[in-house]
Amino acid sequence: MGDAIWKLVGSGGAIASGLLANRVLTAVWRTAVGNEPPVNPESDETSWGEAIAWAVVSGAVIGAGRLVFRRNAALYFRKVTGHFPGNLESAH
């Protein structure tokens, strides 16, 4: 049962944290660059520099947001159950 809950929380949390990170990143991009982030970085209407910058920054921010969520969720899971979820147990 615990592993099923972990999968649900982990997956749902990763999606939610990715969406939140994307909203924050979009607002920061608007402030820093002065325009909207690329809607379609693959389009030839987006410069290579802007497309690569968006890919690097968004990948890092979204990845970090997911990591922060999942790490804190795993620590909370351990606090509640006394052990890490599923495959994380062998890492500690």
Foldseek 3Di string as FASTA:
>chain_A
DLQVVLVVCLVVQLVVLLVVLVVVVQVVCCVPVVDGQDPDLVDPVHDPVSSVVCVVVSVVSSVVSSVVSSVVVQVVSCVVPVAGHDPCRVVD
